[in-house]
Protein backbone atom coordinates (compact mmCIF):
# COMPACT_ATOMS: atom_id res chain seq x y z
CA MET A 1 71.87 -31.05 41.74
CA ASN A 2 72.01 -27.47 40.54
CA ARG A 3 72.09 -28.58 36.90
CA THR A 4 69.01 -30.82 37.36
CA TYR A 5 67.14 -27.95 39.06
CA THR A 6 67.97 -25.69 36.15
CA ILE A 7 66.65 -28.21 33.60
CA LEU A 8 63.40 -28.70 35.55
CA LYS A 9 63.04 -24.95 35.92
CA ASN A 10 63.44 -24.42 32.16
CA PHE A 11 60.95 -27.21 31.39
CA ALA A 12 58.33 -25.69 33.67
CA PHE A 13 58.86 -22.28 32.06
CA SER A 14 58.34 -23.86 28.63
CA LEU A 15 55.04 -25.38 29.80
CA ILE A 16 53.83 -21.99 31.02
CA ILE A 17 54.76 -20.32 27.72
CA SER A 18 52.99 -23.10 25.79
CA SER A 19 49.86 -22.66 27.92
CA LEU A 20 49.84 -18.94 27.37
CA PHE A 21 50.22 -19.46 23.63
CA LEU A 22 47.30 -21.89 23.54
CA ALA A 23 45.20 -19.51 25.60
CA SER A 24 45.90 -16.66 23.23
CA CYS A 25 45.02 -18.89 20.27
CA SER A 26 41.79 -19.77 22.04
CA LYS A 27 40.88 -16.09 22.32
CA ASP A 28 41.48 -15.72 18.59
CA GLY A 29 38.77 -18.31 17.96
CA THR A 30 41.10 -21.18 17.06
CA GLU A 31 40.02 -23.54 19.82
CA PRO A 32 38.78 -26.92 18.56
CA ASP A 33 35.09 -27.52 17.96
CA GLY A 34 33.21 -29.22 20.75
CA PRO A 35 29.85 -29.35 22.54
CA ASP A 36 30.36 -25.85 23.90
CA ASN A 37 31.85 -24.50 20.68
CA PRO A 38 29.83 -25.82 17.74
CA PRO A 39 31.10 -24.97 14.27
CA VAL A 40 29.65 -21.81 12.72
CA THR A 41 27.24 -22.71 9.93
CA GLU A 42 26.87 -20.19 7.15
CA LEU A 43 23.24 -19.40 6.40
CA SER A 44 21.99 -20.63 3.07
CA LYS A 45 21.60 -18.03 0.37
CA GLU A 46 18.70 -19.99 -1.08
CA PHE A 47 15.17 -19.57 0.29
CA ASN A 48 13.89 -22.78 1.89
CA SER A 49 10.15 -23.12 1.29
CA ALA A 50 9.88 -25.69 4.08
CA THR A 51 11.25 -23.48 6.85
CA ASP A 52 11.43 -19.87 5.62
CA LYS A 53 8.73 -17.23 5.15
CA VAL A 54 8.36 -14.17 2.92
CA VAL A 55 7.40 -10.90 4.65
CA LEU A 56 5.62 -8.77 2.05
CA ARG A 57 4.17 -5.49 3.34
CA HIS A 58 3.08 -2.56 1.19
CA GLU A 59 3.63 0.93 2.59
CA PHE A 60 1.79 4.23 2.25
CA ARG A 61 4.71 6.66 1.84
CA ALA A 62 3.27 10.14 1.70
CA ALA A 63 4.67 13.67 1.69
CA TRP A 64 2.74 16.80 2.56
CA LEU A 65 3.31 19.31 -0.25
CA THR A 66 2.28 22.57 1.40
CA THR A 67 1.10 25.61 -0.57
CA VAL A 68 -0.13 27.94 2.19
CA GLY A 69 2.38 30.75 2.62
CA ASN A 70 4.29 29.35 -0.39
CA TYR A 71 6.07 27.16 2.16
CA ASP A 72 6.95 24.24 -0.14
CA TRP A 73 5.55 25.45 -3.45
CA PRO A 74 4.90 27.51 -5.57
CA PRO A 75 7.94 29.80 -5.75
CA LYS A 76 6.90 33.41 -5.18
CA ASN A 77 6.93 36.06 -7.89
CA SER A 78 7.41 33.52 -10.67
CA THR A 79 5.64 32.71 -13.91
CA GLY A 80 3.28 29.84 -14.43
CA GLU A 81 5.91 27.97 -16.43
CA VAL A 82 8.46 28.30 -13.64
CA GLN A 83 5.89 27.10 -11.11
CA ARG A 84 4.91 24.16 -13.32
CA ALA A 85 8.55 23.11 -13.73
CA ALA A 86 9.19 23.44 -10.00
CA LEU A 87 6.17 21.26 -9.20
CA ILE A 88 7.29 18.51 -11.56
CA SER A 89 10.81 18.73 -10.12
CA ILE A 90 9.45 18.13 -6.62
CA ILE A 91 7.49 15.10 -7.83
CA ASP A 92 10.59 13.76 -9.59
CA ARG A 93 12.55 14.04 -6.36
CA LEU A 94 9.83 12.35 -4.32
CA LYS A 95 9.79 9.51 -6.83
CA ALA A 96 13.58 9.16 -6.49
CA LEU A 97 13.14 8.93 -2.70
CA ASN A 98 10.61 6.09 -3.27
CA PHE A 99 7.56 7.96 -2.00
CA ASN A 100 4.29 6.83 -3.55
CA VAL A 101 1.68 9.38 -2.35
CA ILE A 102 1.60 13.18 -2.65
CA LEU A 103 -0.72 15.06 -0.28
CA PHE A 104 -1.16 18.13 -2.47
CA HIS A 105 -2.48 21.24 -0.73
CA VAL A 106 -5.22 22.34 -3.11
CA ARG A 107 -7.46 24.32 -0.70
CA PRO A 108 -5.39 26.20 1.90
CA THR A 109 -7.78 29.14 2.56
CA SER A 110 -11.16 28.30 1.02
CA ASP A 111 -9.62 28.92 -2.42
CA ALA A 112 -8.23 26.68 -5.17
CA PHE A 113 -5.11 25.31 -6.82
CA TYR A 114 -7.39 23.92 -9.54
CA LYS A 115 -10.02 25.24 -11.94
CA SER A 116 -13.17 25.89 -9.93
CA GLN A 117 -16.56 27.40 -10.46
CA LEU A 118 -17.09 27.65 -6.70
CA VAL A 119 -13.99 29.31 -5.24
CA PRO A 120 -11.28 31.65 -6.57
CA TRP A 121 -7.72 30.84 -7.59
CA SER A 122 -5.41 30.90 -4.56
CA ILE A 123 -3.53 34.06 -3.64
CA TYR A 124 -0.36 31.96 -3.32
CA LEU A 125 -0.17 31.42 -7.09
CA THR A 126 0.05 34.99 -8.36
CA GLY A 127 -0.12 37.16 -5.25
CA THR A 128 -3.69 38.18 -6.12
CA GLN A 129 -6.56 35.95 -5.11
CA GLY A 130 -8.72 35.04 -8.10
CA GLN A 131 -6.06 35.67 -10.77
CA ASP A 132 -5.64 32.83 -13.27
CA PRO A 133 -2.06 31.45 -13.08
CA GLY A 134 -2.20 30.22 -16.69
CA PHE A 135 -2.05 26.53 -15.83
CA ASP A 136 -3.87 23.99 -13.66
CA PRO A 137 -1.61 22.91 -10.78
CA LEU A 138 -3.74 19.97 -9.67
CA GLN A 139 -3.91 18.56 -13.20
CA VAL A 140 -0.14 18.97 -13.60
CA ALA A 141 0.45 17.16 -10.31
CA ILE A 142 -1.91 14.31 -11.21
CA ASP A 143 -0.40 13.81 -14.66
CA ALA A 144 3.19 13.89 -13.38
CA ALA A 145 2.47 11.63 -10.41
CA HIS A 146 0.49 9.03 -12.35
CA GLU A 147 3.17 8.87 -15.03
CA ARG A 148 5.58 7.95 -12.24
CA GLY A 149 3.31 5.41 -10.56
CA MET A 150 2.39 7.68 -7.64
CA GLU A 151 -0.93 8.74 -6.13
CA VAL A 152 -2.24 12.27 -5.54
CA HIS A 153 -4.57 13.00 -2.63
CA ALA A 154 -6.20 16.43 -2.73
CA TRP A 155 -5.49 18.05 0.64
CA LEU A 156 -8.15 20.51 1.81
CA ASN A 157 -8.63 22.69 4.86
CA PRO A 158 -12.41 22.52 5.31
CA TYR A 159 -13.10 25.81 7.14
CA ARG A 160 -10.02 28.06 7.15
CA VAL A 161 -10.28 31.34 5.22
CA GLY A 162 -7.15 33.05 6.52
CA SER A 163 -6.06 36.40 7.83
CA THR A 164 -8.55 39.25 8.04
CA SER A 165 -5.92 41.44 6.36
CA VAL A 166 -6.10 39.51 3.07
CA VAL A 167 -8.17 41.10 0.28
CA LEU A 168 -10.60 38.43 -0.88
CA ALA A 169 -11.65 37.96 -4.48
CA ALA A 170 -15.16 39.06 -5.48
CA ASN A 171 -16.22 35.43 -5.98
CA HIS A 172 -14.89 34.16 -2.66
CA PRO A 173 -17.70 32.42 -0.73
CA VAL A 174 -17.17 34.69 2.29
CA VAL A 175 -17.65 37.77 0.10
CA LEU A 176 -20.76 36.27 -1.48
CA HIS A 177 -22.06 34.98 1.89
CA PRO A 178 -20.63 37.09 4.73
CA GLU A 179 -23.08 35.42 7.11
CA TRP A 180 -21.04 32.19 6.72
CA CYS A 181 -17.96 33.80 8.26
CA VAL A 182 -16.75 33.97 11.86
CA GLU A 183 -13.76 36.14 12.75
CA PHE A 184 -11.58 34.88 15.57
CA ASN A 185 -8.10 36.07 16.60
CA ASP A 186 -7.63 38.11 13.42
CA ASN A 187 -8.53 35.19 11.16
CA ARG A 188 -11.63 34.25 9.23
CA TYR A 189 -13.34 30.85 9.32
CA LEU A 190 -16.36 29.31 7.69
CA ASN A 191 -18.90 28.49 10.40
CA PRO A 192 -19.07 24.68 10.74
CA GLY A 193 -22.48 24.94 12.41
CA LEU A 194 -24.29 26.23 9.32
CA PRO A 195 -25.98 23.72 6.99
CA GLU A 196 -25.13 26.02 4.07
CA VAL A 197 -21.41 25.76 4.88
CA LYS A 198 -21.59 21.99 5.04
CA ALA A 199 -23.41 21.91 1.69
CA HIS A 200 -20.79 24.24 0.21
CA LEU A 201 -17.95 22.00 1.36
CA GLN A 202 -19.69 18.97 -0.12
CA SER A 203 -20.01 20.82 -3.44
CA VAL A 204 -16.32 21.75 -3.37
CA ILE A 205 -15.26 18.14 -2.86
CA LYS A 206 -17.72 16.87 -5.45
CA GLU A 207 -16.33 19.33 -8.01
CA ILE A 208 -12.81 18.00 -7.45
CA ILE A 209 -13.88 14.36 -7.64
CA ASP A 210 -15.98 14.92 -10.76
CA ASN A 211 -13.31 16.86 -12.67
CA TYR A 212 -10.04 15.24 -11.63
CA ASP A 213 -8.67 11.71 -11.52
CA ILE A 214 -7.52 12.03 -7.93
CA ASP A 215 -6.78 9.05 -5.71
CA GLY A 216 -7.86 10.52 -2.39
CA ILE A 217 -9.34 13.39 -0.39
CA HIS A 218 -7.30 14.46 2.63
CA PHE A 219 -8.01 16.79 5.59
CA ASP A 220 -5.43 17.91 8.12
CA ASP A 221 -5.98 19.05 11.72
CA TYR A 222 -7.76 22.38 11.08
CA PHE A 223 -11.40 22.23 12.13
CA TYR A 224 -12.63 24.70 14.72
CA PRO A 225 -9.75 27.06 15.51
CA SER A 226 -7.43 26.44 18.42
CA GLY A 227 -8.72 28.38 21.40
CA ALA A 228 -12.37 28.21 20.42
CA LYS A 229 -13.07 25.57 23.06
CA SER A 230 -13.29 27.65 26.21
CA THR A 231 -15.31 27.25 29.39
CA SER A 232 -14.88 30.87 30.44
CA ASN A 233 -15.75 32.37 27.06
CA PRO A 234 -17.50 29.69 24.98
CA PHE A 235 -18.65 32.17 22.33
CA GLY A 236 -15.33 33.89 21.82
CA PHE A 237 -15.68 32.06 18.54
CA ASN A 238 -19.00 33.73 17.89
CA ASP A 239 -21.29 31.06 16.47
CA LYS A 240 -24.03 31.72 19.03
CA ALA A 241 -26.70 32.56 16.48
CA ALA A 242 -26.15 29.26 14.69
CA PHE A 243 -26.07 27.39 18.00
CA ASP A 244 -29.32 28.99 19.12
CA GLN A 245 -30.94 27.97 15.84
CA TYR A 246 -29.52 24.45 15.41
CA GLY A 247 -28.14 23.37 18.81
CA GLY A 248 -31.35 21.92 20.19
CA THR A 249 -30.84 20.40 23.65
CA MET A 250 -27.06 19.97 23.23
CA ASP A 251 -24.46 22.05 25.02
CA ILE A 252 -22.17 24.16 22.84
CA HIS A 253 -19.24 21.74 22.98
CA THR A 254 -21.28 18.66 22.11
CA TRP A 255 -22.93 20.55 19.27
CA ARG A 256 -19.60 21.66 17.78
CA LYS A 257 -18.19 18.13 18.01
CA ASN A 258 -21.31 16.82 16.27
CA ASN A 259 -20.91 19.42 13.52
CA VAL A 260 -17.44 18.06 12.73
CA ASP A 261 -18.53 14.44 13.10
CA ASN A 262 -21.49 14.90 10.76
CA MET A 263 -19.34 16.68 8.20
CA VAL A 264 -16.80 13.84 8.22
CA LYS A 265 -19.52 11.20 7.99
CA ASP A 266 -21.29 12.98 5.11
CA VAL A 267 -18.07 13.60 3.15
CA ASN A 268 -17.17 9.93 3.45
CA GLN A 269 -20.64 8.85 2.32
CA MET A 270 -20.60 11.25 -0.63
CA ILE A 271 -17.21 10.03 -1.83
CA LYS A 272 -18.29 6.42 -1.59
CA THR A 273 -21.43 7.25 -3.60
CA ILE A 274 -19.82 9.31 -6.37
CA LYS A 275 -16.44 7.64 -6.86
CA PRO A 276 -15.85 4.87 -4.31
CA LYS A 277 -12.27 4.11 -5.36
CA VAL A 278 -11.25 7.58 -4.05
CA VAL A 279 -10.11 7.17 -0.44
CA PHE A 280 -10.73 9.60 2.40
CA GLY A 281 -8.15 10.26 5.09
CA ILE A 282 -7.70 12.75 7.91
CA SER A 283 -4.59 13.82 9.81
CA PRO A 284 -5.67 14.97 13.29
CA GLN A 285 -3.43 16.18 16.09
CA GLY A 286 -1.29 13.34 17.38
CA ILE A 287 -2.93 12.91 20.78
CA GLN A 288 -6.67 12.35 21.03
CA GLU A 289 -7.09 14.80 23.92
CA ASN A 290 -5.34 17.53 21.91
CA SER A 291 -7.50 16.81 18.88
CA MET A 292 -10.63 17.23 20.96
CA THR A 293 -9.63 20.84 21.71
CA VAL A 294 -10.63 21.63 18.12
CA TYR A 295 -13.69 19.32 18.34
CA ALA A 296 -12.09 16.66 16.13
CA ASP A 297 -13.02 13.28 17.60
CA ALA A 298 -10.64 11.03 15.67
CA LEU A 299 -11.50 8.07 17.88
CA SER A 300 -15.14 8.36 16.80
CA TRP A 301 -14.12 8.41 13.12
CA LEU A 302 -12.22 5.15 13.63
CA GLN A 303 -15.02 3.52 15.59
CA ASN A 304 -17.54 4.40 12.85
CA LYS A 305 -15.09 3.81 9.98
CA TRP A 306 -15.82 7.23 8.50
CA VAL A 307 -12.24 7.43 7.21
CA ASP A 308 -10.22 5.03 5.07
CA TYR A 309 -7.01 5.90 6.89
CA LEU A 310 -5.99 8.06 9.85
CA ALA A 311 -2.69 9.96 9.88
CA PRO A 312 -2.20 11.28 13.45
CA GLN A 313 0.59 13.84 13.63
CA ILE A 314 2.95 12.16 16.12
CA TYR A 315 5.53 14.92 16.20
CA TRP A 316 7.47 13.83 19.31
CA GLN A 317 10.45 11.54 19.61
CA ILE A 318 10.60 8.06 21.10
CA GLY A 319 11.02 8.56 24.85
CA HIS A 320 9.57 12.08 24.95
CA PRO A 321 8.72 12.68 28.64
CA THR A 322 5.08 13.68 28.08
CA ALA A 323 4.27 12.56 24.52
CA ASP A 324 6.33 9.46 23.84
CA PHE A 325 6.14 8.45 20.18
CA ASN A 326 6.08 4.80 21.20
CA THR A 327 3.13 5.28 23.56
CA VAL A 328 1.14 7.44 21.15
CA ILE A 329 1.56 5.23 18.08
CA ARG A 330 0.59 2.15 20.10
CA TYR A 331 -2.55 3.95 21.28
CA TRP A 332 -3.69 4.51 17.71
CA ASN A 333 -2.66 1.02 16.67
CA SER A 334 -4.80 -0.44 19.47
CA ASN A 335 -7.80 1.76 18.61
CA SER A 336 -7.64 1.49 14.81
CA ASN A 337 -10.75 -0.71 14.48
CA GLY A 338 -9.28 -2.12 11.26
CA VAL A 339 -8.59 1.32 9.76
CA PRO A 340 -4.98 1.76 8.59
CA ILE A 341 -2.93 4.09 10.80
CA ILE A 342 -0.36 6.17 8.90
CA PRO A 343 1.45 8.36 11.43
CA GLY A 344 2.70 11.81 10.54
CA LEU A 345 6.45 12.27 11.13
CA ALA A 346 8.14 15.55 12.07
CA ALA A 347 10.71 15.90 9.29
CA TYR A 348 10.78 19.61 10.13
CA LYS A 349 12.49 18.87 13.45
CA TYR A 350 15.47 17.11 11.87
CA GLY A 351 18.60 19.25 12.03
CA ASP A 352 16.93 21.87 14.24
CA SER A 353 19.06 22.62 17.31
CA ASN A 354 15.86 23.03 19.31
CA TYR A 355 15.16 19.31 18.77
CA PRO A 356 18.48 17.48 19.31
CA ALA A 357 16.71 14.12 19.65
CA TYR A 358 15.66 14.27 16.00
CA THR A 359 18.60 12.48 14.42
CA LEU A 360 18.63 10.28 11.33
CA ASN A 361 18.55 7.27 13.61
CA GLU A 362 15.47 8.65 15.38
CA MET A 363 13.60 8.91 12.09
CA LEU A 364 14.53 5.32 11.18
CA ASN A 365 13.50 4.05 14.62
CA GLU A 366 10.11 5.73 14.34
CA VAL A 367 9.51 4.14 10.93
CA ASN A 368 10.67 0.72 12.10
CA LEU A 369 8.49 0.93 15.20
CA GLY A 370 5.49 1.53 12.96
CA ARG A 371 6.50 -1.41 10.77
CA SER A 372 6.32 -3.68 13.81
CA LEU A 373 2.66 -2.83 14.51
CA SER A 374 -0.19 -4.65 12.80
CA SER A 375 -2.42 -1.66 12.00
CA VAL A 376 0.30 0.78 10.90
CA SER A 377 0.64 0.94 7.12
CA GLY A 378 3.26 3.60 6.38
CA ASN A 379 4.00 7.24 7.14
CA CYS A 380 3.26 10.84 6.15
CA TRP A 381 6.23 13.22 6.27
CA PHE A 382 5.81 16.91 7.11
CA ARG A 383 6.87 18.56 4.91
CA VAL A 384 8.74 18.24 1.62
CA ALA A 385 11.00 21.30 2.01
CA TYR A 386 12.62 19.63 5.02
CA PHE A 387 13.87 16.51 3.27
CA LEU A 388 14.04 16.99 -0.49
CA SER A 389 17.64 18.13 -0.74
CA ASN A 390 19.41 17.50 2.57
CA SER A 391 20.97 14.56 4.40
CA LEU A 392 17.54 13.40 5.60
CA GLY A 393 16.41 13.00 2.01
CA THR A 394 19.54 11.00 1.17
CA TYR A 395 19.01 8.86 4.27
CA ILE A 396 15.39 8.19 3.35
CA GLN A 397 16.47 7.14 -0.14
CA ASN A 398 19.35 4.91 0.95
CA THR A 399 18.20 3.50 4.28
CA ILE A 400 14.53 4.06 5.13
CA TYR A 401 13.02 3.57 1.65
CA PRO A 402 15.81 1.82 -0.32
CA SER A 403 13.36 0.40 -2.86
CA PRO A 404 9.88 1.32 -4.17
CA SER A 405 6.67 0.14 -2.55
CA LEU A 406 3.11 -0.27 -3.73
CA VAL A 407 0.37 1.60 -1.87
CA PRO A 408 -1.49 -0.81 0.43
CA LYS A 409 -5.14 -1.66 0.00
CA LEU A 410 -7.24 1.17 1.43
CA GLY A 411 -10.95 1.80 1.71
CA THR A 412 -13.92 -0.35 0.81
CA TYR A 413 -13.68 -0.29 -2.98
CA ASN A 414 -12.78 -3.66 -4.48
CA GLU A 415 -11.31 -4.09 -7.93
CA THR A 416 -10.72 -7.51 -9.42
CA VAL A 417 -7.83 -9.29 -7.77
CA PRO A 418 -5.51 -10.44 -10.55
CA GLY A 419 -4.45 -14.04 -10.88
CA VAL A 420 -1.09 -15.34 -9.74
CA PRO A 421 1.60 -15.22 -12.43
CA SER A 422 3.17 -18.56 -13.36
CA VAL A 423 6.96 -18.08 -13.36
CA THR A 424 9.75 -19.90 -15.19
CA LEU A 425 13.55 -19.52 -15.10
CA ASN A 426 15.90 -19.71 -18.08
CA GLN A 427 19.46 -19.17 -16.91
CA LYS A 428 19.10 -15.82 -15.10
CA THR A 429 15.92 -14.58 -16.78
CA ILE A 430 12.59 -14.96 -14.98
CA SER A 431 9.51 -14.95 -17.23
CA TRP A 432 5.80 -15.17 -16.51
CA ASN A 433 2.49 -15.42 -18.28
CA THR A 434 -0.01 -12.64 -18.94
CA VAL A 435 -2.55 -12.52 -16.14
CA HIS A 436 -6.11 -11.34 -16.74
CA ASP A 437 -6.91 -8.00 -15.00
CA ALA A 438 -3.23 -7.29 -14.28
CA LYS A 439 -2.14 -3.75 -15.14
CA GLN A 440 1.48 -4.33 -14.15
CA TYR A 441 3.80 -6.80 -12.49
CA VAL A 442 6.23 -6.46 -9.62
CA VAL A 443 9.44 -8.43 -9.19
CA TYR A 444 10.72 -8.57 -5.62
CA GLU A 445 14.19 -9.59 -4.48
CA LEU A 446 14.23 -11.37 -1.14
CA ALA A 447 16.64 -10.29 1.60
CA ARG A 448 17.06 -12.41 4.72
CA ASP A 449 16.15 -10.54 7.91
CA GLY A 450 19.38 -10.89 9.86
CA LYS A 451 19.91 -14.53 10.85
CA THR A 452 16.21 -15.37 11.01
CA THR A 453 14.07 -17.50 8.70
CA SER A 454 12.14 -14.39 7.60
CA TRP A 455 12.90 -12.72 4.27
CA ASN A 456 11.94 -9.11 3.53
CA VAL A 457 11.29 -7.98 -0.03
CA LEU A 458 12.81 -5.21 -2.14
CA ALA A 459 11.01 -4.17 -5.32
CA SER A 460 13.40 -4.67 -8.23
CA GLN A 461 10.97 -3.91 -11.06
CA ILE A 462 7.47 -2.44 -11.28
CA SER A 463 6.33 -2.38 -14.89
CA THR A 464 4.26 -4.01 -17.62
CA SER A 465 7.26 -6.13 -18.68
CA MET A 466 6.86 -9.91 -18.78
CA SER A 467 10.43 -10.78 -17.80
CA PHE A 468 13.27 -9.82 -15.52
CA THR A 469 16.95 -10.71 -15.51
CA GLY A 470 18.17 -11.29 -11.99
CA LEU A 471 21.48 -11.83 -10.22
CA SER A 472 23.22 -15.00 -9.16
CA GLU A 473 22.58 -16.28 -5.63
CA LYS A 474 19.44 -14.17 -5.30
CA ASN A 475 15.82 -15.15 -4.62
CA TYR A 476 12.83 -13.54 -6.37
CA ILE A 477 9.03 -13.57 -6.41
CA VAL A 478 6.62 -12.06 -8.95
CA ILE A 479 3.12 -10.68 -8.29
CA ALA A 480 0.45 -9.07 -10.48
CA VAL A 481 -1.16 -5.71 -9.67
CA ASN A 482 -4.52 -4.16 -10.54
CA GLY A 483 -4.83 -0.73 -8.95
CA ARG A 484 -4.49 -1.29 -5.20
CA GLU A 485 -5.28 -5.02 -5.60
CA LYS A 486 -2.39 -7.47 -5.63
CA SER A 487 -2.06 -11.16 -6.36
CA GLY A 488 -0.10 -13.69 -4.39
CA TYR A 489 3.03 -15.31 -5.77
CA GLU A 490 3.47 -18.80 -7.17
CA LYS A 491 6.89 -19.67 -5.77
CA VAL A 492 10.30 -18.33 -4.90
CA ILE A 493 12.79 -18.44 -7.77
CA TYR A 494 16.45 -18.90 -6.84
CA ILE A 495 19.12 -18.03 -9.42
CA LYS A 496 22.25 -20.13 -8.88
């Protein structure tokens, strides 16, 4: 009796141990396949034209290259040759980070970083306004950028003249026309309410467009100065004489807003008349209500399509309690009226202990949020000194912009859309035919988006070459490019 009990006891113990063993195997994923545990199917490495789709989006990847105060460039107390080399070095670095647009600050204080008959050389080149630096910065930037497949947009401040303490050159427009100037809070401004000032600004822009092969004209958020819009002291910014002469039946605030609106409308019309392939963009303050404090009605510009792109400066993180990046970017996306939205990002906040939310992951999330919205077409980063040579720059290069991108179609100018290249595969080499009106060709490698049926594209080659040698188990497409016009693709090529 005792022996039988012992045998049964040992048998039961063995069953328990066996059950525990099976349970632990089950947790290791070794349980048999069944209705509740279907076998894991590895996703195909080959694109399936019947079920899969290619997601091909071109991005405007711009960097503000600031010259006022010598903030980004040029280096102070240096020769023209040193400045030239430093400028090209910056453009080289931006190219390596896969940027494709440079917003080059050519008119910081109603002066010039280019050869002009209308305004003096900038003080930030030599330390003396009007002194020839011995080279043409805008031409150097254009040549270097175009050689690298990048665009240059001439960035101008329309009205700012700068501190009243600065000695102006004899040919500065404020010296020649002191009646154009309004002093406010120890700074000088051109008076936006004067027809002569508007005509002068048009002449300045026309001179740039006529003499330089620029790709765009760009304004930032400086219009009337901050603080000018006041109910208690509306003429603290003293433009009363101009208002009395030209204001008509409007109140002062409506008149000032109209002055900016009319300037924007007329600049856009002039560009489209003289050189329509040059695009016109403005970067207002990130929130419409804030922008209106300087009489810049960005919503009106979108509604009337007076700009080819809008770059609102959304310099707050996702989840900010009063200016949430997510809320603000969706506002502009919803009100774009078909105009590309290219939000400005606060690179200057990264690594600053005052802005702990601005991590590398925050920057990526802001970019990816924009990529998910239909009217957002890229980003502008402020400013180059904050990401050229630090961990943010490396992160942009490796994670945010891991491959080059073409600039998206902007504006109303239409070049000939090139035909679709016909592609063939010989072992691992993809070849295609010459396409009429194509200036270059782009080969894209496809990368599956997670476990979905969508495939994103990574530019593997942008050149005039007619062939490309790919890698095994990779998918590729080829398109033709003519300026900002792009063809479709014939088919996806899979290399076994």
